[in-house]
Protein backbone atom coordinates (compact mmCIF):
# COMPACT_ATOMS: atom_id res chain seq x y z
CA UNK A 1 66.33 67.25 -5.10
CA UNK A 2 64.42 66.73 -1.86
CA UNK A 3 65.67 64.08 0.54
CA UNK A 4 62.85 61.97 1.96
CA UNK A 5 63.53 60.03 5.14
CA UNK A 6 61.09 57.51 6.60
CA UNK A 7 61.04 56.67 10.30
CA UNK A 8 59.23 53.56 11.42
CA UNK A 9 56.99 53.35 14.46
CA UNK A 10 59.28 50.99 16.34
CA UNK A 11 61.04 53.47 18.57
CA UNK A 12 63.05 55.45 16.04
CA UNK A 13 61.39 58.75 16.95
CA UNK A 14 59.53 60.36 19.83
CA UNK A 15 56.41 62.29 18.92
CA UNK A 16 54.22 63.45 21.76
CA UNK A 17 51.59 65.90 22.84
CA UNK A 18 52.22 69.19 24.60
CA UNK A 19 49.54 69.59 27.24
CA UNK A 20 47.99 72.54 29.09
CA UNK A 21 45.76 71.51 32.01
CA UNK A 22 45.14 68.07 30.47
CA UNK A 23 44.23 69.59 27.09
CA UNK A 24 46.54 69.00 24.09
CA UNK A 25 47.88 72.27 22.67
CA UNK A 26 50.54 71.01 20.23
CA UNK A 27 52.46 68.05 18.90
CA UNK A 28 56.06 67.86 20.14
CA UNK A 29 59.05 66.34 18.34
CA UNK A 30 62.58 66.49 19.67
CA UNK A 31 65.28 67.07 17.05
CA UNK A 32 67.51 64.47 18.69
CA UNK A 33 64.81 61.80 18.93
CA UNK A 34 64.81 61.31 15.16
CA UNK A 35 67.54 58.83 14.23
CA UNK A 36 68.05 60.62 10.89
CA UNK A 37 66.44 63.77 9.61
CA UNK A 38 66.53 65.94 12.72
CA UNK A 39 67.85 68.92 10.77
CA UNK A 40 65.14 68.48 8.16
CA UNK A 41 62.49 68.39 10.89
CA UNK A 42 63.70 71.48 12.73
CA UNK A 43 63.88 73.50 9.51
CA UNK A 44 60.45 72.34 8.26
CA UNK A 45 57.88 74.77 6.92
CA UNK A 46 54.78 72.61 7.30
CA UNK A 47 53.45 69.16 8.09
CA UNK A 48 50.55 67.04 6.90
CA UNK A 49 48.86 63.79 7.76
CA UNK A 50 48.92 61.00 5.17
CA UNK A 51 46.81 58.16 6.51
CA UNK A 52 48.55 57.33 9.80
CA UNK A 53 51.89 58.87 8.72
CA UNK A 54 53.07 62.38 9.55
CA UNK A 55 54.95 64.07 6.71
CA UNK A 56 57.15 66.99 7.81
CA UNK A 57 58.45 69.03 4.87
CA UNK A 58 60.94 71.83 4.39
CA UNK A 59 63.93 73.05 2.40
CA UNK A 60 66.35 70.57 4.03
CA UNK A 61 64.25 67.52 3.23
CA UNK A 62 61.16 65.60 4.18
CA UNK A 63 60.77 63.38 7.24
CA UNK A 64 57.92 60.88 7.34
CA UNK A 65 57.02 59.48 10.75
CA UNK A 66 55.28 56.20 10.05
CA UNK A 67 52.21 54.97 11.91
CA UNK A 68 51.84 57.69 14.53
CA UNK A 69 49.58 57.08 17.53
CA UNK A 70 45.87 57.85 17.41
CA UNK A 71 46.19 60.66 19.97
CA UNK A 72 48.66 62.40 17.64
CA UNK A 73 46.38 61.83 14.65
CA UNK A 74 43.59 63.46 16.63
CA UNK A 75 45.86 66.44 17.39
CA UNK A 76 46.66 66.84 13.68
CA UNK A 77 42.97 66.69 12.81
CA UNK A 78 42.34 69.36 15.46
CA UNK A 79 44.88 71.49 13.54
CA UNK A 80 47.29 71.80 16.46
CA UNK A 81 50.76 73.05 15.54
CA UNK A 82 53.88 70.90 15.62
CA UNK A 83 56.74 72.20 17.76
CA UNK A 84 60.18 70.78 16.93
CA UNK A 85 62.71 71.33 19.70
CA UNK A 86 66.47 70.99 19.93
CA UNK A 87 67.36 70.43 23.60
CA UNK A 88 71.06 71.05 22.96
CA UNK A 89 70.56 74.59 21.66
CA UNK A 90 67.15 75.27 23.24
CA UNK A 91 65.85 76.13 19.77
CA UNK A 92 62.12 75.73 19.15
CA UNK A 93 60.42 75.88 15.75
CA UNK A 94 56.68 76.13 15.21
CA UNK A 95 55.53 74.12 12.18
CA UNK A 96 52.00 74.61 10.89
CA UNK A 97 49.74 72.15 9.15
CA UNK A 98 49.54 72.25 5.35
CA UNK A 99 45.87 72.62 4.51
CA UNK A 100 46.06 71.86 0.79
CA UNK A 101 48.19 68.79 -0.04
CA UNK A 102 48.39 69.87 -3.69
CA UNK A 103 50.40 72.91 -2.62
CA UNK A 104 53.24 70.77 -1.18
CA UNK A 105 56.26 72.25 -2.99
CA UNK A 106 58.62 69.65 -1.49
CA UNK A 107 56.82 66.62 -2.95
CA UNK A 108 58.50 65.16 -6.00
């Protein structure tokens, strides 16, 4: 059974853009900025956009970040990767975008 956790847009997570010379190169999510589901996010295999929500899926569960900002939506649509970081361990995980929503093996 897959655990699905929903984060609202009212400050329960921090999703941002990684920039290189004022050009976005990735989405950034800190493991410890997610009130619940940090382990699911850092072990994710892929992500996808569902309306204005970002669904991050993997073997340890699914995290849905609700109502992400337009700049982040634009980064998803530009097919930029998501980098989930854990500042405590300095671990970084690159999560790619799922192109075909019907191939989401973690959706129940």
